Protein backbone atom coordinates (compact mmCIF):
# COMPACT_ATOMS: atom_id res chain seq x y z
CA MET A 1 93.05 111.89 143.46
CA PRO A 2 96.76 112.56 143.49
CA ALA A 3 98.14 115.11 141.20
CA THR A 4 99.70 113.46 137.96
CA SER A 5 103.37 114.00 137.66
CA PHE A 6 103.09 115.43 134.17
CA PRO A 7 101.16 118.85 134.14
CA LYS A 8 97.91 118.47 132.21
CA ASN A 9 98.51 121.52 130.08
CA LYS A 10 101.30 119.81 128.34
CA ILE A 11 99.65 116.70 127.69
CA ARG A 12 98.68 116.75 123.56
CA ILE A 13 95.44 115.57 123.02
CA VAL A 14 94.06 115.20 119.35
CA LEU A 15 90.54 114.33 118.28
CA ALA A 16 90.14 113.54 114.49
CA GLU A 17 87.29 112.69 112.35
CA ASN A 18 84.36 115.27 113.86
CA ILE A 19 84.40 113.13 117.12
CA HIS A 20 81.25 114.44 119.16
CA PRO A 21 82.08 117.83 121.03
CA TYR A 22 81.38 116.15 124.41
CA ALA A 23 84.64 114.36 124.31
CA SER A 24 86.52 117.68 124.09
CA ALA A 25 84.23 119.12 126.78
CA LEU A 26 84.86 116.18 129.06
CA LEU A 27 88.78 116.58 128.77
CA LYS A 28 88.73 120.20 129.25
CA LYS A 29 86.51 119.76 132.27
CA GLU A 30 89.10 117.75 133.91
CA GLY A 31 91.84 120.39 133.21
CA TYR A 32 93.40 119.38 129.86
CA THR A 33 93.90 122.68 127.71
CA SER A 34 95.75 121.22 124.82
CA VAL A 35 92.89 119.64 123.00
CA GLU A 36 92.77 119.96 119.25
CA SER A 37 89.82 118.72 117.11
CA ILE A 38 90.14 117.87 113.64
CA LYS A 39 87.15 117.63 111.16
CA GLY A 40 88.37 115.13 108.77
CA ALA A 41 90.73 112.12 108.79
CA PRO A 42 94.57 113.00 109.12
CA ASP A 43 96.50 111.21 106.42
CA ALA A 44 99.77 109.26 107.02
CA LYS A 45 101.80 112.38 106.20
CA TRP A 46 100.35 114.53 109.15
CA LEU A 47 100.16 111.52 111.41
CA ASN A 48 103.94 110.65 110.91
CA GLU A 49 104.86 114.40 111.34
CA ASN A 50 102.87 114.77 114.64
CA ALA A 51 103.31 111.17 116.05
CA GLY A 52 106.08 112.07 118.36
CA SER A 53 104.14 114.69 120.32
CA ILE A 54 100.65 113.36 120.97
CA HIS A 55 99.84 111.73 124.19
CA LEU A 56 96.14 110.88 123.46
CA LEU A 57 94.58 110.41 120.05
CA GLY A 58 90.90 109.85 119.19
CA ILE A 59 89.90 108.73 115.76
CA ARG A 60 86.82 106.98 114.06
CA SER A 61 86.68 104.52 111.31
CA LYS A 62 88.73 106.46 108.53
CA THR A 63 92.03 107.19 110.16
CA PHE A 64 94.58 104.51 109.58
CA LEU A 65 97.28 103.79 112.36
CA ASN A 66 99.77 101.85 110.84
CA ALA A 67 102.94 100.15 112.19
CA GLU A 68 105.17 103.28 111.19
CA PHE A 69 102.94 105.77 113.22
CA PHE A 70 103.31 103.45 116.29
CA GLU A 71 107.03 103.39 116.08
CA LYS A 72 107.17 107.04 115.86
CA ALA A 73 104.53 107.69 118.62
CA LYS A 74 106.78 107.51 121.67
CA ARG A 75 104.86 109.72 123.72
CA LEU A 76 101.47 108.27 122.91
CA ILE A 77 99.69 106.39 125.87
CA SER A 78 96.39 105.91 124.25
CA ALA A 79 94.66 105.70 121.06
CA GLY A 80 90.99 105.74 121.36
CA CYS A 81 88.77 104.31 118.54
CA PHE A 82 85.53 106.51 119.04
CA CYS A 83 83.39 103.67 117.23
CA ILE A 84 82.84 99.92 117.45
CA GLY A 85 85.46 98.46 115.57
CA THR A 86 89.45 98.72 115.50
CA ASN A 87 90.15 97.40 111.73
CA GLN A 88 91.90 100.64 111.11
CA VAL A 89 94.49 100.05 113.77
CA ASP A 90 97.49 97.78 113.48
CA MET A 91 96.87 96.09 116.98
CA ASN A 92 99.96 94.22 116.62
CA ALA A 93 102.02 97.25 116.32
CA ALA A 94 99.90 98.86 119.31
CA ILE A 95 100.87 95.87 121.27
CA ARG A 96 104.70 95.89 120.59
CA ASN A 97 104.78 99.63 121.76
CA GLY A 98 102.62 99.39 124.86
CA VAL A 99 99.81 101.69 123.50
CA ALA A 100 96.47 101.00 125.00
CA VAL A 101 93.75 101.00 122.26
CA PHE A 102 90.24 101.59 123.55
CA ASN A 103 86.80 101.51 121.46
CA SER A 104 83.32 101.45 122.36
CA PRO A 105 81.46 98.31 121.14
CA TYR A 106 78.08 98.71 122.88
CA SER A 107 77.35 102.54 123.16
CA ASN A 108 75.41 102.68 119.70
CA THR A 109 73.45 99.52 120.22
CA ARG A 110 70.20 100.97 120.66
CA SER A 111 70.41 103.38 117.40
CA VAL A 112 71.07 100.30 115.42
CA ALA A 113 68.15 98.17 116.69
CA GLU A 114 65.96 100.91 116.34
CA LEU A 115 66.91 101.39 112.67
CA VAL A 116 66.35 97.47 112.12
CA ILE A 117 62.76 97.98 113.36
CA ALA A 118 62.16 100.99 111.14
CA HIS A 119 63.21 99.04 108.27
CA CYS A 120 61.18 95.99 108.93
CA ILE A 121 57.97 98.50 109.12
CA HIS A 122 58.95 100.29 105.95
CA LEU A 123 59.49 97.23 103.96
CA LEU A 124 56.49 95.33 105.10
CA ARG A 125 54.57 98.50 104.13
CA LYS A 126 56.44 99.07 100.64
CA ILE A 127 57.20 102.62 101.85
CA PRO A 128 60.30 103.06 99.74
CA SER A 129 58.18 102.53 96.46
CA ARG A 130 55.18 104.49 97.78
CA ASN A 131 57.46 107.41 98.47
CA PHE A 132 59.02 107.25 95.20
CA ASN A 133 55.83 107.37 93.50
CA MET A 134 54.56 110.40 95.69
CA HIS A 135 57.83 112.22 94.76
CA HIS A 136 57.01 111.89 91.16
CA GLY A 137 53.33 112.71 91.34
CA LYS A 138 52.01 109.19 91.46
CA TRP A 139 49.05 108.20 93.86
CA ASP A 140 48.80 104.61 94.67
CA LYS A 141 46.71 103.94 97.45
CA SER A 142 46.49 100.30 97.95
CA SER A 143 46.93 97.70 100.67
CA THR A 144 47.90 94.97 98.06
CA GLY A 145 51.09 93.29 99.50
CA CYS A 146 51.14 95.56 102.60
CA HIS A 147 51.44 93.82 105.99
CA GLU A 148 51.44 94.51 109.55
CA LEU A 149 54.72 93.97 111.61
CA ARG A 150 52.63 92.02 114.43
CA GLY A 151 52.58 88.24 114.08
CA LYS A 152 55.76 87.98 111.74
CA ILE A 153 58.44 86.12 112.44
CA ILE A 154 62.05 88.09 112.62
CA GLY A 155 65.09 85.68 112.54
CA ILE A 156 68.16 87.43 113.86
CA VAL A 157 71.63 86.13 113.03
CA GLY A 158 73.86 86.83 115.76
CA TYR A 159 72.39 87.22 119.26
CA GLY A 160 75.00 89.68 120.57
CA HIS A 161 74.24 93.15 122.29
CA ILE A 162 72.61 94.33 119.05
CA GLY A 163 70.93 91.15 117.96
CA SER A 164 69.25 90.84 121.47
CA GLN A 165 68.23 94.34 121.54
CA VAL A 166 66.35 93.74 118.27
CA SER A 167 64.84 90.72 119.99
CA VAL A 168 63.45 92.70 122.80
CA LEU A 169 62.02 95.75 120.63
CA ALA A 170 60.48 93.13 118.18
CA GLU A 171 58.87 91.09 120.41
CA ALA A 172 57.56 94.21 122.25
CA LEU A 173 55.66 95.27 118.92
CA GLY A 174 54.31 91.70 118.52
CA MET A 175 56.75 89.74 116.47
CA LYS A 176 57.98 86.30 116.90
CA VAL A 177 61.77 85.96 117.45
CA VAL A 178 63.88 83.15 116.37
CA PHE A 179 67.82 83.55 116.35
CA TYR A 180 70.72 81.78 115.26
CA ASP A 181 74.22 81.94 116.85
CA LEU A 182 77.36 79.76 116.99
CA ILE A 183 77.13 79.53 120.67
CA PRO A 184 74.36 79.16 123.34
CA LYS A 185 72.92 82.45 124.57
CA LEU A 186 70.94 83.58 127.45
CA ILE A 187 67.42 83.87 125.75
CA LEU A 188 65.30 87.09 126.15
CA GLY A 189 61.60 86.98 126.49
CA ASN A 190 60.15 84.29 124.21
CA ALA A 191 62.88 84.10 121.63
CA ARG A 192 63.92 80.68 120.34
CA GLN A 193 67.39 79.53 119.49
CA CYS A 194 67.50 77.68 115.92
CA LYS A 195 69.95 74.87 115.65
CA THR A 196 71.11 75.92 112.28
CA LEU A 197 71.28 79.10 110.01
CA ASP A 198 69.18 77.04 107.26
CA GLU A 199 66.53 76.35 110.02
CA LEU A 200 66.29 80.12 110.50
CA LEU A 201 66.10 81.31 107.05
CA ALA A 202 63.12 78.78 106.36
CA LEU A 203 61.34 80.03 109.22
CA ALA A 204 61.61 83.96 108.96
CA ASP A 205 59.48 86.55 107.49
CA ILE A 206 62.31 88.90 107.98
CA VAL A 207 66.01 88.05 108.55
CA THR A 208 68.34 90.77 109.99
CA LEU A 209 72.20 90.19 110.26
CA HIS A 210 74.28 91.16 113.23
CA ILE A 211 77.48 89.24 112.54
CA PRO A 212 81.39 90.17 112.62
CA GLY A 213 83.29 90.38 109.33
CA SER A 214 85.45 87.28 108.96
CA ALA A 215 86.83 85.14 106.45
CA ALA A 216 84.24 82.45 107.67
CA ASN A 217 81.31 85.02 107.14
CA LYS A 218 82.37 86.40 103.92
CA ASN A 219 79.13 86.16 101.57
CA VAL A 220 77.52 83.90 104.22
CA ILE A 221 74.34 85.06 102.65
CA ASN A 222 74.83 84.02 99.05
CA SER A 223 72.76 82.53 96.37
CA GLN A 224 72.17 78.94 97.99
CA ARG A 225 71.26 80.74 101.12
CA LEU A 226 68.98 83.22 99.51
CA LYS A 227 67.03 79.99 97.79
CA LYS A 228 66.44 78.73 101.41
CA MET A 229 64.67 82.00 102.64
CA LYS A 230 61.20 81.93 102.81
CA LYS A 231 59.41 83.03 99.71
CA HIS A 232 58.71 87.01 99.71
CA SER A 233 60.95 87.27 103.01
CA ILE A 234 62.79 90.46 103.67
CA LEU A 235 66.72 90.76 104.16
CA ILE A 236 68.33 93.55 106.46
CA ASN A 237 72.07 93.79 106.84
CA LEU A 238 73.48 96.40 109.40
CA SER A 239 76.65 94.19 110.25
CA ARG A 240 79.21 94.23 107.91
CA GLY A 241 79.52 94.77 104.18
CA ASP A 242 81.06 91.57 103.09
CA VAL A 243 78.55 88.99 104.52
CA VAL A 244 76.16 89.36 101.76
CA ASP A 245 76.82 88.78 98.13
CA LEU A 246 75.01 91.76 96.75
CA ASN A 247 74.77 90.42 93.21
CA ALA A 248 72.87 87.32 94.43
CA LEU A 249 70.53 89.25 96.64
CA LYS A 250 69.77 91.50 93.44
CA SER A 251 68.91 88.26 91.51
CA ALA A 252 66.92 86.95 94.19
CA LEU A 253 64.72 90.34 94.42
CA LYS A 254 64.40 90.62 90.58
CA GLU A 255 63.15 87.10 90.69
CA ASN A 256 60.70 88.02 93.26
CA HIS A 257 61.91 85.40 95.94
CA LEU A 258 62.55 88.33 98.29
CA SER A 259 59.99 91.15 98.56
CA GLY A 260 62.57 93.46 99.86
CA ALA A 261 65.86 94.48 101.56
CA ALA A 262 67.66 97.12 103.64
CA ILE A 263 71.42 97.31 103.41
CA ASP A 264 73.46 99.99 105.52
CA VAL A 265 77.02 98.35 104.92
CA PHE A 266 78.98 97.50 101.75
CA PRO A 267 82.08 95.82 100.76
CA TYR A 268 83.56 98.86 99.40
CA GLU A 269 82.26 102.16 100.94
CA PRO A 270 83.42 105.89 99.90
CA GLN A 271 86.22 107.14 102.06
CA THR A 272 84.67 111.01 101.74
CA ASN A 273 81.36 112.43 101.21
CA ASN A 274 82.57 113.48 97.76
CA GLU A 275 83.25 109.97 96.49
CA ILE A 276 80.53 108.58 94.12
CA PHE A 277 78.97 105.56 95.58
CA THR A 278 78.05 102.72 93.42
CA CYS A 279 76.29 99.26 94.17
CA PRO A 280 74.39 96.45 92.40
CA LEU A 281 71.09 97.41 94.20
CA GLN A 282 70.83 101.03 93.28
CA GLY A 283 67.53 101.96 91.42
CA MET A 284 65.41 99.13 92.94
CA ASP A 285 62.41 100.39 94.48
CA ASN A 286 61.96 97.39 96.96
CA VAL A 287 65.52 98.23 98.50
CA ILE A 288 66.37 100.70 101.39
CA LEU A 289 70.07 101.94 100.96
CA THR A 290 71.77 103.86 103.82
CA PRO A 291 75.13 105.19 104.00
CA HIS A 292 76.54 103.20 107.01
CA ILE A 293 74.52 104.99 109.61
CA GLY A 294 73.17 102.25 111.76
CA GLY A 295 74.79 103.69 114.92
CA SER A 296 74.88 107.37 113.56
CA THR A 297 72.72 109.18 116.08
CA GLU A 298 73.36 112.27 118.28
CA GLU A 299 72.58 110.13 121.30
CA ALA A 300 75.06 107.13 120.24
CA GLN A 301 77.89 109.49 119.36
CA GLU A 302 77.60 111.29 122.52
CA GLN A 303 77.47 108.05 124.63
CA ILE A 304 80.64 106.85 122.47
CA ALA A 305 82.28 109.98 123.38
CA ALA A 306 81.77 109.63 127.00
CA ASP A 307 82.74 106.03 127.10
CA VAL A 308 86.14 106.21 125.27
CA THR A 309 87.21 109.31 126.89
CA ALA A 310 86.26 107.95 130.46
CA LYS A 311 88.57 104.88 129.56
CA MET A 312 91.37 107.05 128.16
CA LEU A 313 91.30 109.22 131.28
CA ASN A 314 91.15 106.44 133.65
CA LEU A 315 94.31 105.00 131.91
CA LEU A 316 96.06 108.55 132.07
CA GLU A 317 95.25 109.45 135.55
CA THR A 318 95.13 106.19 137.46
CA GLY A 319 96.80 103.53 135.20
CA ASN A 320 93.62 101.52 134.98
CA SER A 321 93.44 99.64 131.73
CA THR A 322 89.92 98.30 131.79
CA GLY A 323 88.60 98.03 128.48
CA SER A 324 91.97 97.98 126.69
CA LEU A 325 92.22 95.80 123.62
CA SER A 326 96.02 95.86 123.47
CA ILE A 327 97.62 96.02 126.96
CA PRO A 328 96.63 93.68 129.40
CA GLU A 329 93.77 95.05 131.84
CA ILE A 330 94.23 95.78 135.19
CA ALA A 331 91.81 97.90 137.75
CA LEU A 332 93.67 100.00 140.19
CA PRO A 333 92.54 101.39 143.32
CA VAL A 334 93.80 104.88 143.98
CA GLN A 335 96.54 104.60 146.73
CA LEU A 336 97.11 108.28 148.59
CA HIS A 337 100.50 109.08 149.97
CA THR A 338 102.30 106.77 147.44
CA HIS A 339 104.13 107.11 144.41
CA ARG A 340 102.96 104.99 141.26
CA LEU A 341 104.94 103.86 138.59
CA LEU A 342 103.54 101.89 135.38
CA HIS A 343 105.85 99.26 133.75
CA ILE A 344 105.03 97.74 130.14
CA HIS A 345 107.17 94.84 129.19
CA GLN A 346 107.36 91.86 126.81
CA ASN A 347 105.76 89.00 128.42
CA THR A 348 109.08 86.70 129.34
CA PRO A 349 109.72 84.94 132.47
CA GLY A 350 111.38 86.40 135.18
CA VAL A 351 110.62 90.30 134.51
CA LEU A 352 108.51 90.74 137.75
CA GLY A 353 111.41 89.06 139.57
CA GLU A 354 113.88 91.54 138.32
CA ILE A 355 111.72 94.42 139.02
CA ASN A 356 111.41 93.43 142.46
CA SER A 357 115.21 92.80 143.01
CA ARG A 358 116.19 96.14 141.50
CA LEU A 359 113.84 98.07 143.73
CA SER A 360 114.83 95.87 146.73
CA GLU A 361 118.49 96.52 146.13
CA LYS A 362 117.79 100.14 146.23
CA LYS A 363 115.78 100.02 149.69
CA ILE A 364 112.48 101.06 147.69
CA ASN A 365 109.58 99.90 149.80
CA ILE A 366 106.69 98.33 147.46
CA LEU A 367 103.13 99.20 149.01
CA GLY A 368 101.07 97.77 146.25
CA GLN A 369 101.59 95.88 143.02
CA TYR A 370 99.21 94.96 140.16
CA LEU A 371 100.08 92.63 137.28
CA ASN A 372 98.36 91.25 134.42
CA THR A 373 99.73 89.81 131.10
CA ASN A 374 98.48 88.65 127.57
CA ALA A 375 100.10 86.35 125.26
CA HIS A 376 102.46 89.09 124.13
CA ILE A 377 102.98 91.92 126.99
CA GLY A 378 102.83 92.34 130.67
CA TYR A 379 101.51 95.47 132.49
CA VAL A 380 102.64 96.21 136.23
CA ALA A 381 101.96 98.97 138.38
CA LEU A 382 103.64 99.75 141.48
CA ASP A 383 102.70 101.73 144.39
CA MET A 384 105.90 102.87 146.43
CA ASP A 385 106.71 104.45 149.66
CA LYS A 386 107.03 108.33 149.30
CA LYS A 387 110.72 108.12 150.14
CA PHE A 388 110.81 106.72 146.41
CA SER A 389 113.51 108.45 144.54
CA GLY A 390 114.01 109.19 140.64
CA ARG A 391 116.30 106.20 140.77
CA ALA A 392 113.60 103.72 141.04
CA LEU A 393 112.47 104.99 137.35
CA GLU A 394 115.78 104.50 135.92
CA GLU A 395 116.35 101.02 137.57
CA LEU A 396 112.72 100.18 135.90
CA LYS A 397 114.08 101.32 132.61
CA LYS A 398 116.79 98.77 132.77
CA VAL A 399 114.85 96.00 133.23
CA LYS A 400 115.12 93.46 130.24
CA GLY A 401 112.25 93.32 127.85
CA THR A 402 111.03 97.01 128.87
CA ILE A 403 108.74 98.42 126.38
CA ARG A 404 107.84 101.79 128.27
CA VAL A 405 107.74 103.16 131.86
CA ARG A 406 105.62 105.99 133.18
CA THR A 407 105.57 107.87 136.27
CA LEU A 408 101.84 108.30 137.25
CA TYR A 409 102.06 110.41 140.55
């Protein structure tokens, strides 16, 4: 691969929020020596003070990148979200400023799916109350109300990457699988797709939620829907905190309509480990509460580190933007014996024509050109004859609608 035009030791990389050390190791292995790791989430003051000198920034879910940050981050090439979501990033601001935002939506799929199965077994066997009793000296050796997983019907709401993985694991353990999704899905194994959510709720012994947080999904499991669930069934939510009405769930549990629940996500979650957590379900011996740890395994965090770091490095070293949620995706073959320039611009008619005209006027031969656009911006990579001079960079900066230009090599 050609050497990049900017020395690797001058690329400032910041990894915040205890990102798995594998990310730092990968970056240093590739020759990047200015890699800083920050334990906690940097606040707005720190971000604004350092925005102008960072080239790559890695965050997790508690660091908020707002419009003010992106306006100041003139050197920032990429922001990597080492997690599933990107709600903590002002995506419109990232787009306006031509910053590539990456995440890792699938790396923790297995970890979440395994925890769902664990909750199924624990709740069917009444482990939460048995555990509590044993810790307080009470010996209650009884099979009353305890059941096997085998033969039970699990209803999966949202048959995406996690939901379908739960489906595979559940069927391997002898469960019958039904699922509901807004769109037709490729069915794995012997699973069956329900036509409506209400149909699924009436059938399932265990309902597990794997849906995105949205206005349409807010409190989708409410008092009315809980009443439609099978008597003595179980509810599991490892998706988003606002999709279940927790007060309604508490009532359904106290009335013994549901026999148990496991909740890993909440409408409001503490921002630090020192903040007190409160929830209507606390103190109930048939409820498992976990602090948003569905994807929190060493294996998942290492996979996320590998995935996001690889995407950021690929952009930095080749211009390849595959996986970006902000700038258009282009996949670029490496061209030897050429110079490569990257141009991000507002998506308005005539930009590509102006680029080509300006370079043609300067007698600069274009050997390869790759363009993609989204609704807001365009991203073009230009491979040029090695006779290229620095004048080409200056010409590209003059193109109307230019957001940023970078010489790659």
